[in-house]
Structures are given as structure tokens and as C-alpha cells.
């Protein structure tokens, strides 16, 4: 009886593992929705800081600090949604994301490097350094990827 129980337990464990693996693999449409949602939230928390850096709204160090804290997580979320399985799903991603993945990866790494400078500037509390880093992150980081890998708004 114990051999039979062991065999059943082993079968259930293996079967459960395969089922969990299948459930963990998101559908391509879901991956696109998730990455787009992450990018939308990035814009929500990044653009007020850009507007401060441009002088369009007053600088508020508390908002900068809070938003940078949110962005430290948000800027990492979208990347795993750019799976090859999503290449044929309608989105703003250009085919180059999938046809030139090395260049896309380099652009993402460049964005992360620029954003790390912004985090350091925000932690320093130096308003001028934050403003410079925000604008650099926007032009060298965000736009560096969007210019080559994101469809222009119609």
C-alpha cells in the first residue's frame, strides 16, 4: 500500500508542477497588456518630474522623491513583457524589438543606466542635478528606446 501511495503522491506532485508551469505562462495578449500598463504608470509618475525639470510646474522635492521611489520598481516591470510570443500582437512596439533584440536590449540597459543616475541625483537632494538627470533620462533613456522601437502616435 505504501508503494501505491508513494506512486500516487509522486504523480500528483509532478502533475501539479506541470499544471503550475502552464498556468504561469501568460498569454501573449496579457503580456502586452501588462507591459503597456507598466509603461502608462511610468508616464504617470515620470512626466510630472519632467515638467518640473522644464520649469513648467514648480519643483517639489517631496513629489520627486515619492515618484522616483515608485519608478524604481515601475521601470523594471515592462521588460519581461517583450517576449517573442508577443511579436504578432497589436501594440505600439515596432518589429525591430523582435528583429534586433540585441539593439533593443542595449537601449533598455541604457535607459536603466540613465535612470540610475536620476535615482542618485534624487537621493542627493540637489535640485539642479535632479533636473539635469531627469532631462537626460527622458532624452537619452526614454526617447533612445521609443525613437527606434515604438510606433509614433497617429
Foldseek 3Di string as FASTA:
>chain_A
DVVVVVVVVVVVVVVVVVVVVVVPDDQLVVLQVFLVVLVVLLCVLQVVLLCCLVVVDPDDLVSLLVSLVVCVPSLPRNVVSLDPNNLPPDDQWDNCVVVVVVQLVVLSVQLVVLSVQLNVQSVVVDSNSNSVSSVCSVVSRVCVNCVVTGHDDD
